[in-house]
Amino acid sequence: METAKVNDELDARTESITDMTVLGQGREAVAAATRTNNQGGPVDGVQQLDEIIPLIEAVVDRITPDQLDNPTACANFTVTGVLEHMIGGATHFSPAFRGDAAGSVAPLEGELTDRWRRAMAELLSSLHSPGAQDRTVTAPFGEVPVSAFARYTAFDGLVHGWDLSRATGLPYEPPDGLVAEVDAFARQFVQSAMRDGDTFAAEIDAPPEATPLEGIVAFSGRQITTSNN
């Protein structure tokens, strides 16, 4: 499926993970994987990020200066590179979530992990701002609703947390239920045209003993070493 077709299908009607399944098969699987929130509705991408970012922060808090140059499973990125990538993305898109122009704020200054924390705090704040999920944003793969882009950001963040954990040896254990619903969305969202070696690499077959987290990491195109090895 070409990227233009993906963009056409990711229209403003996309407000929940079940709506995203118009892209392919598996509507029932996606719905079944999605938890309900305190109001009885499906957990959305912003609520997923509310869970994921603190889990990543627990890793970031323990990264030592001598680990910053460690290579990661994210192609061509060191630990520093992953953190800078996350900072750059959050800083670029947060204004758009508030209704302003993307990239309209100055780059953050200061120590790396402090900049990461401030960028993630602003990301969450902007996504919780009034009307954020009713807006659209120009993503690398086209114009999409913020409600859908938040789910993509949750997928991206979940996997980058694993990148940092694996590169530093620090623990990172997102709950399986959270991983399952992010995985269900990702498998509907990621189209073959996106696997260009830049946005995503080709999917890797996860071994049978892989954990749910290792499964979504392999789906993203990263080589894994299973937790049992």
C-alpha atoms as a PDB file:
ATOM      1  CA  MET A   1       0.000   0.000   0.000  1.00  0.00           C
ATOM      2  CA  GLU A   2       1.443   3.390  -0.986  1.00  0.00           C
ATOM      3  CA  THR A   3       1.969   6.110   1.621  1.00  0.00           C
ATOM      4  CA  ALA A   4      -0.546   8.397  -0.119  1.00  0.00           C
ATOM      5  CA  LYS A   5      -3.232   5.760   0.321  1.00  0.00           C
ATOM      6  CA  VAL A   6      -2.312   5.380   3.999  1.00  0.00           C
ATOM      7  CA  ASN A   7      -2.667   9.130   4.444  1.00  0.00           C
ATOM      8  CA  ASP A   8      -6.099   9.117   2.759  1.00  0.00           C
ATOM      9  CA  GLU A   9      -7.328   6.394   5.088  1.00  0.00           C
ATOM     10  CA  LEU A  10      -5.976   8.015   8.253  1.00  0.00           C
ATOM     11  CA  ASP A  11      -8.599  10.776   8.129  1.00  0.00           C
ATOM     12  CA  ALA A  12     -10.284  12.866  10.771  1.00  0.00           C
ATOM     13  CA  ARG A  13     -12.703  10.084  11.637  1.00  0.00           C
ATOM     14  CA  THR A  14      -9.840   8.268  13.363  1.00  0.00           C
ATOM     15  CA  GLU A  15     -10.504   8.818  17.063  1.00  0.00           C
ATOM     16  CA  SER A  16      -9.879   5.372  18.515  1.00  0.00           C
ATOM     17  CA  ILE A  17      -7.851   2.265  17.886  1.00  0.00           C
ATOM     18  CA  THR A  18     -10.885   0.438  16.502  1.00  0.00           C
ATOM     19  CA  ASP A  19     -11.290   3.152  13.852  1.00  0.00           C
ATOM     20  CA  MET A  20      -7.678   2.618  12.761  1.00  0.00           C
ATOM     21  CA  THR A  21      -8.448  -0.943  11.707  1.00  0.00           C
ATOM     22  CA  VAL A  22     -10.043   0.208   8.458  1.00  0.00           C
ATOM     23  CA  LEU A  23      -6.458  -0.081   7.191  1.00  0.00           C
ATOM     24  CA  GLY A  24      -6.552  -3.880   7.240  1.00  0.00           C
ATOM     25  CA  GLN A  25      -7.754  -7.062   8.908  1.00  0.00           C
ATOM     26  CA  GLY A  26      -7.835  -7.691  12.640  1.00  0.00           C
ATOM     27  CA  ARG A  27     -10.474  -5.257  13.952  1.00  0.00           C
ATOM     28  CA  GLU A  28     -11.556  -7.726  16.610  1.00  0.00           C
ATOM     29  CA  ALA A  29      -7.974  -8.381  17.716  1.00  0.00           C
ATOM     30  CA  VAL A  30      -7.245  -4.684  18.096  1.00  0.00           C
ATOM     31  CA  ALA A  31     -10.420  -4.059  20.065  1.00  0.00           C
ATOM     32  CA  ALA A  32      -9.759  -7.055  22.286  1.00  0.00           C
ATOM     33  CA  ALA A  33      -6.236  -5.816  23.047  1.00  0.00           C
ATOM     34  CA  THR A  34      -7.416  -2.379  24.130  1.00  0.00           C
ATOM     35  CA  ARG A  35      -8.068  -1.816  27.809  1.00  0.00           C
ATOM     36  CA  THR A  36     -10.791   0.444  29.162  1.00  0.00           C
ATOM     37  CA  ASN A  37     -10.055   3.589  31.136  1.00  0.00           C
ATOM     38  CA  ASN A  38     -11.696   4.823  34.346  1.00  0.00           C
ATOM     39  CA  GLN A  39     -14.588   6.233  32.325  1.00  0.00           C
ATOM     40  CA  GLY A  40     -15.232   2.882  30.658  1.00  0.00           C
ATOM     41  CA  GLY A  41     -13.929   3.960  27.245  1.00  0.00           C
ATOM     42  CA  PRO A  42     -10.920   2.624  25.339  1.00  0.00           C
ATOM     43  CA  VAL A  43      -7.471   3.717  26.494  1.00  0.00           C
ATOM     44  CA  ASP A  44      -6.191   6.224  23.938  1.00  0.00           C
ATOM     45  CA  GLY A  45      -2.678   7.090  22.779  1.00  0.00           C
ATOM     46  CA  VAL A  46      -2.302   9.948  25.248  1.00  0.00           C
ATOM     47  CA  GLN A  47      -3.173   7.663  28.140  1.00  0.00           C
ATOM     48  CA  GLN A  48      -0.671   5.121  26.814  1.00  0.00           C
ATOM     49  CA  LEU A  49       2.018   7.822  26.775  1.00  0.00           C
ATOM     50  CA  ASP A  50       1.051   8.748  30.338  1.00  0.00           C
ATOM     51  CA  GLU A  51       2.199   5.220  31.230  1.00  0.00           C
ATOM     52  CA  ILE A  52       5.113   4.822  28.839  1.00  0.00           C
ATOM     53  CA  ILE A  53       7.042   8.033  29.473  1.00  0.00           C
ATOM     54  CA  PRO A  54       7.470   7.447  33.242  1.00  0.00           C
ATOM     55  CA  LEU A  55       8.720   3.937  32.463  1.00  0.00           C
ATOM     56  CA  ILE A  56      11.319   5.366  30.095  1.00  0.00           C
ATOM     57  CA  GLU A  57      12.182   8.094  32.588  1.00  0.00           C
ATOM     58  CA  ALA A  58      13.047   5.424  35.143  1.00  0.00           C
ATOM     59  CA  VAL A  59      15.673   4.200  32.660  1.00  0.00           C
ATOM     60  CA  VAL A  60      16.890   7.695  31.764  1.00  0.00           C
ATOM     61  CA  ASP A  61      17.306   8.569  35.446  1.00  0.00           C
ATOM     62  CA  ARG A  62      19.886   5.771  35.799  1.00  0.00           C
ATOM     63  CA  ILE A  63      21.897   6.328  32.618  1.00  0.00           C
ATOM     64  CA  THR A  64      25.477   7.254  33.473  1.00  0.00           C
ATOM     65  CA  PRO A  65      27.694   9.575  31.421  1.00  0.00           C
ATOM     66  CA  ASP A  66      29.892   6.691  30.293  1.00  0.00           C
ATOM     67  CA  GLN A  67      26.832   4.976  28.724  1.00  0.00           C
ATOM     68  CA  LEU A  68      25.817   7.874  26.484  1.00  0.00           C
ATOM     69  CA  ASP A  69      28.001   6.741  23.595  1.00  0.00           C
ATOM     70  CA  ASN A  70      26.788   3.137  23.758  1.00  0.00           C
ATOM     71  CA  PRO A  71      25.309   1.921  20.453  1.00  0.00           C
ATOM     72  CA  THR A  72      21.622   1.013  20.396  1.00  0.00           C
ATOM     73  CA  ALA A  73      19.465  -1.292  18.283  1.00  0.00           C
ATOM     74  CA  CYS A  74      18.024   1.820  16.608  1.00  0.00           C
ATOM     75  CA  ALA A  75      20.086   2.087  13.422  1.00  0.00           C
ATOM     76  CA  ASN A  76      22.953   4.600  13.625  1.00  0.00           C
ATOM     77  CA  PHE A  77      21.837   5.912  17.034  1.00  0.00           C
ATOM     78  CA  THR A  78      23.814   5.882  20.252  1.00  0.00           C
ATOM     79  CA  VAL A  79      22.085   6.359  23.603  1.00  0.00           C
ATOM     80  CA  THR A  80      22.623  10.086  23.136  1.00  0.00           C
ATOM     81  CA  GLY A  81      21.163   9.848  19.634  1.00  0.00           C
ATOM     82  CA  VAL A  82      17.962   8.179  20.854  1.00  0.00           C
ATOM     83  CA  LEU A  83      17.501  10.793  23.575  1.00  0.00           C
ATOM     84  CA  GLU A  84      18.145  13.652  21.137  1.00  0.00           C
ATOM     85  CA  HIS A  85      15.725  12.084  18.647  1.00  0.00           C
ATOM     86  CA  MET A  86      12.989  11.945  21.281  1.00  0.00           C
ATOM     87  CA  ILE A  87      13.719  15.510  22.388  1.00  0.00           C
ATOM     88  CA  GLY A  88      13.648  16.755  18.799  1.00  0.00           C
ATOM     89  CA  GLY A  89      10.367  15.043  17.984  1.00  0.00           C
ATOM     90  CA  ALA A  90       8.621  16.228  21.136  1.00  0.00           C
ATOM     91  CA  THR A  91       9.893  19.790  20.749  1.00  0.00           C
ATOM     92  CA  HIS A  92       8.857  19.911  17.098  1.00  0.00           C
ATOM     93  CA  PHE A  93       5.328  18.543  17.454  1.00  0.00           C
ATOM     94  CA  SER A  94       4.223  19.843  20.872  1.00  0.00           C
ATOM     95  CA  PRO A  95       3.284  23.311  19.541  1.00  0.00           C
ATOM     96  CA  ALA A  96       1.114  21.700  16.847  1.00  0.00           C
ATOM     97  CA  PHE A  97      -0.802  19.762  19.498  1.00  0.00           C
ATOM     98  CA  ARG A  98      -1.688  23.145  21.056  1.00  0.00           C
ATOM     99  CA  GLY A  99      -2.797  24.555  17.705  1.00  0.00           C
ATOM    100  CA  ASP A 100       0.399  26.466  16.905  1.00  0.00           C
ATOM    101  CA  ALA A 101       2.864  25.858  14.088  1.00  0.00           C
ATOM    102  CA  ALA A 102       5.038  22.763  14.446  1.00  0.00           C
ATOM    103  CA  GLY A 103       8.646  23.608  15.127  1.00  0.00           C
ATOM    104  CA  SER A 104       7.760  27.091  16.348  1.00  0.00           C
ATOM    105  CA  VAL A 105       9.687  26.942  19.633  1.00  0.00           C
ATOM    106  CA  ALA A 106      13.424  27.335  20.165  1.00  0.00           C
ATOM    107  CA  PRO A 107      15.516  24.233  20.833  1.00  0.00           C
ATOM    108  CA  LEU A 108      15.883  23.371  24.485  1.00  0.00           C
ATOM    109  CA  GLU A 109      19.170  24.150  26.166  1.00  0.00           C
ATOM    110  CA  GLY A 110      20.911  22.438  29.055  1.00  0.00           C
ATOM    111  CA  GLU A 111      22.098  19.011  30.091  1.00  0.00           C
ATOM    112  CA  LEU A 112      20.883  16.134  27.918  1.00  0.00           C
ATOM    113  CA  THR A 113      18.745  14.164  30.355  1.00  0.00           C
ATOM    114  CA  ASP A 114      17.280  17.358  31.824  1.00  0.00           C
ATOM    115  CA  ARG A 115      16.290  18.475  28.307  1.00  0.00           C
ATOM    116  CA  TRP A 116      14.736  15.046  27.733  1.00  0.00           C
ATOM    117  CA  ARG A 117      12.615  15.348  30.882  1.00  0.00           C
ATOM    118  CA  ARG A 118      11.433  18.851  29.993  1.00  0.00           C
ATOM    119  CA  ALA A 119      10.625  17.800  26.424  1.00  0.00           C
ATOM    120  CA  MET A 120       8.599  14.800  27.602  1.00  0.00           C
ATOM    121  CA  ALA A 121       6.746  16.904  30.182  1.00  0.00           C
ATOM    122  CA  GLU A 122       5.781  19.409  27.486  1.00  0.00           C
ATOM    123  CA  LEU A 123       4.787  16.589  25.127  1.00  0.00           C
ATOM    124  CA  LEU A 124       2.322  15.208  27.659  1.00  0.00           C
ATOM    125  CA  SER A 125       1.086  18.659  28.627  1.00  0.00           C
ATOM    126  CA  SER A 126       0.449  19.621  25.009  1.00  0.00           C
ATOM    127  CA  LEU A 127      -1.362  16.363  24.261  1.00  0.00           C
ATOM    128  CA  HIS A 128      -3.626  16.985  27.264  1.00  0.00           C
ATOM    129  CA  SER A 129      -4.349  20.564  26.170  1.00  0.00           C
ATOM    130  CA  PRO A 130      -7.955  21.415  25.180  1.00  0.00           C
ATOM    131  CA  GLY A 131      -8.825  20.277  21.673  1.00  0.00           C
ATOM    132  CA  ALA A 132      -5.481  18.566  21.042  1.00  0.00           C
ATOM    133  CA  GLN A 133      -6.916  15.275  19.813  1.00  0.00           C
ATOM    134  CA  ASP A 134      -9.328  17.028  17.475  1.00  0.00           C
ATOM    135  CA  ARG A 135      -6.456  18.608  15.537  1.00  0.00           C
ATOM    136  CA  THR A 136      -4.347  17.218  12.711  1.00  0.00           C
ATOM    137  CA  VAL A 137      -0.573  17.231  12.382  1.00  0.00           C
ATOM    138  CA  THR A 138       1.821  16.814   9.461  1.00  0.00           C
ATOM    139  CA  ALA A 139       3.811  13.699  10.342  1.00  0.00           C
ATOM    140  CA  PRO A 140       6.741  12.231   8.387  1.00  0.00           C
ATOM    141  CA  PHE A 141       4.236   9.909   6.687  1.00  0.00           C
ATOM    142  CA  GLY A 142       1.549  12.505   5.942  1.00  0.00           C
ATOM    143  CA  GLU A 143      -1.293  14.479   7.487  1.00  0.00           C
ATOM    144  CA  VAL A 144      -2.888  12.547  10.355  1.00  0.00           C
ATOM    145  CA  PRO A 145      -5.207  13.267  13.285  1.00  0.00           C
ATOM    146  CA  VAL A 146      -3.392  13.946  16.545  1.00  0.00           C
ATOM    147  CA  SER A 147      -5.457  11.128  18.091  1.00  0.00           C
ATOM    148  CA  ALA A 148      -3.772   8.690  15.687  1.00  0.00           C
ATOM    149  CA  PHE A 149      -0.352  10.331  15.907  1.00  0.00           C
ATOM    150  CA  ALA A 150      -0.439   9.977  19.706  1.00  0.00           C
ATOM    151  CA  ARG A 151      -0.813   6.222  19.246  1.00  0.00           C
ATOM    152  CA  TYR A 152       2.105   6.215  16.815  1.00  0.00           C
ATOM    153  CA  THR A 153       4.161   8.214  19.342  1.00  0.00           C
ATOM    154  CA  ALA A 154       3.301   5.649  22.009  1.00  0.00           C
ATOM    155  CA  PHE A 155       4.577   2.897  19.701  1.00  0.00           C
ATOM    156  CA  ASP A 156       7.736   4.861  18.928  1.00  0.00           C
ATOM    157  CA  GLY A 157       8.349   5.664  22.585  1.00  0.00           C
ATOM    158  CA  LEU A 158       7.703   2.116  23.776  1.00  0.00           C
ATOM    159  CA  VAL A 159      10.341   0.771  21.399  1.00  0.00           C
ATOM    160  CA  HIS A 160      12.843   3.535  22.139  1.00  0.00           C
ATOM    161  CA  GLY A 161      12.533   2.669  25.815  1.00  0.00           C
ATOM    162  CA  TRP A 162      13.672  -0.831  24.902  1.00  0.00           C
ATOM    163  CA  ASP A 163      16.528   0.647  22.844  1.00  0.00           C
ATOM    164  CA  LEU A 164      17.791   2.552  25.874  1.00  0.00           C
ATOM    165  CA  SER A 165      17.291  -0.363  28.233  1.00  0.00           C
ATOM    166  CA  ARG A 166      19.094  -2.841  26.008  1.00  0.00           C
ATOM    167  CA  ALA A 167      21.992  -0.440  25.350  1.00  0.00           C
ATOM    168  CA  THR A 168      22.538   0.276  29.049  1.00  0.00           C
ATOM    169  CA  GLY A 169      21.490  -2.963  30.740  1.00  0.00           C
ATOM    170  CA  LEU A 170      18.880  -1.115  32.783  1.00  0.00           C
ATOM    171  CA  PRO A 171      15.490  -2.725  33.541  1.00  0.00           C
ATOM    172  CA  TYR A 172      12.444  -1.755  31.496  1.00  0.00           C
ATOM    173  CA  GLU A 173       9.266  -3.767  31.931  1.00  0.00           C
ATOM    174  CA  PRO A 174       6.122  -2.223  30.436  1.00  0.00           C
ATOM    175  CA  PRO A 175       2.994  -4.189  31.414  1.00  0.00           C
ATOM    176  CA  ASP A 176       1.997  -6.835  28.882  1.00  0.00           C
ATOM    177  CA  GLY A 177      -1.492  -5.314  28.518  1.00  0.00           C
ATOM    178  CA  LEU A 178      -0.020  -1.975  27.507  1.00  0.00           C
ATOM    179  CA  VAL A 179       2.376  -3.658  25.083  1.00  0.00           C
ATOM    180  CA  ALA A 180      -0.464  -5.698  23.565  1.00  0.00           C
ATOM    181  CA  GLU A 181      -2.615  -2.699  22.712  1.00  0.00           C
ATOM    182  CA  VAL A 182       0.322  -0.717  21.284  1.00  0.00           C
ATOM    183  CA  ASP A 183       1.325  -3.793  19.272  1.00  0.00           C
ATOM    184  CA  ALA A 184      -2.217  -4.218  17.921  1.00  0.00           C
ATOM    185  CA  PHE A 185      -2.260  -0.627  16.709  1.00  0.00           C
ATOM    186  CA  ALA A 186       1.238  -0.828  15.210  1.00  0.00           C
ATOM    187  CA  ARG A 187       0.412  -3.907  13.148  1.00  0.00           C
ATOM    188  CA  GLN A 188      -2.534  -2.085  11.585  1.00  0.00           C
ATOM    189  CA  PHE A 189      -0.720   1.210  11.164  1.00  0.00           C
ATOM    190  CA  VAL A 190       2.680   0.271   9.719  1.00  0.00           C
ATOM    191  CA  GLN A 191       2.357  -0.289   5.967  1.00  0.00           C
ATOM    192  CA  SER A 192       4.927  -1.820   3.639  1.00  0.00           C
ATOM    193  CA  ALA A 193       5.745   1.575   2.095  1.00  0.00           C
ATOM    194  CA  MET A 194       6.931   2.750   5.509  1.00  0.00           C
ATOM    195  CA  ARG A 195       9.558   0.004   5.656  1.00  0.00           C
ATOM    196  CA  ASP A 196      12.068   2.030   3.694  1.00  0.00           C
ATOM    197  CA  GLY A 197      15.012   1.399   6.004  1.00  0.00           C
ATOM    198  CA  ASP A 198      14.617   4.886   7.426  1.00  0.00           C
ATOM    199  CA  THR A 199      11.118   5.111   8.913  1.00  0.00           C
ATOM    200  CA  PHE A 200      11.112   1.363   9.615  1.00  0.00           C
ATOM    201  CA  ALA A 201      13.313  -1.559   8.676  1.00  0.00           C
ATOM    202  CA  ALA A 202      11.948  -4.885   7.517  1.00  0.00           C
ATOM    203  CA  GLU A 203      10.134  -6.892  10.173  1.00  0.00           C
ATOM    204  CA  ILE A 204      12.251  -9.463  12.016  1.00  0.00           C
ATOM    205  CA  ASP A 205      10.734 -12.817  12.930  1.00  0.00           C
ATOM    206  CA  ALA A 206      10.582 -13.021  16.723  1.00  0.00           C
ATOM    207  CA  PRO A 207      11.394 -16.450  18.171  1.00  0.00           C
ATOM    208  CA  PRO A 208       8.598 -18.356  19.936  1.00  0.00           C
ATOM    209  CA  GLU A 209      10.075 -17.610  23.365  1.00  0.00           C
ATOM    210  CA  ALA A 210      10.085 -13.842  22.805  1.00  0.00           C
ATOM    211  CA  THR A 211       8.259 -11.678  25.324  1.00  0.00           C
ATOM    212  CA  PRO A 212       5.438  -9.388  24.131  1.00  0.00           C
ATOM    213  CA  LEU A 213       7.856  -6.453  24.279  1.00  0.00           C
ATOM    214  CA  GLU A 214      10.452  -8.327  22.240  1.00  0.00           C
ATOM    215  CA  GLY A 215       7.718  -9.185  19.748  1.00  0.00           C
ATOM    216  CA  ILE A 216       6.844  -5.544  19.046  1.00  0.00           C
ATOM    217  CA  VAL A 217      10.545  -4.649  18.935  1.00  0.00           C
ATOM    218  CA  ALA A 218      11.122  -7.315  16.270  1.00  0.00           C
ATOM    219  CA  PHE A 219       8.077  -6.055  14.376  1.00  0.00           C
ATOM    220  CA  SER A 220       9.687  -2.592  14.311  1.00  0.00           C
ATOM    221  CA  GLY A 221      12.673  -4.098  12.483  1.00  0.00           C
ATOM    222  CA  ARG A 222      15.153  -4.444  15.316  1.00  0.00           C
ATOM    223  CA  GLN A 223      17.277  -7.491  15.987  1.00  0.00           C
ATOM    224  CA  ILE A 224      16.633  -8.901  19.440  1.00  0.00           C
ATOM    225  CA  THR A 225      18.260 -11.276  21.860  1.00  0.00           C
ATOM    226  CA  THR A 226      15.477 -12.964  23.763  1.00  0.00           C
ATOM    227  CA  SER A 227      15.249 -12.656  27.519  1.00  0.00           C
ATOM    228  CA  ASN A 228      15.882 -16.414  27.816  1.00  0.00           C
ATOM    229  CA  ASN A 229      19.270 -16.256  26.087  1.00  0.00           C
END
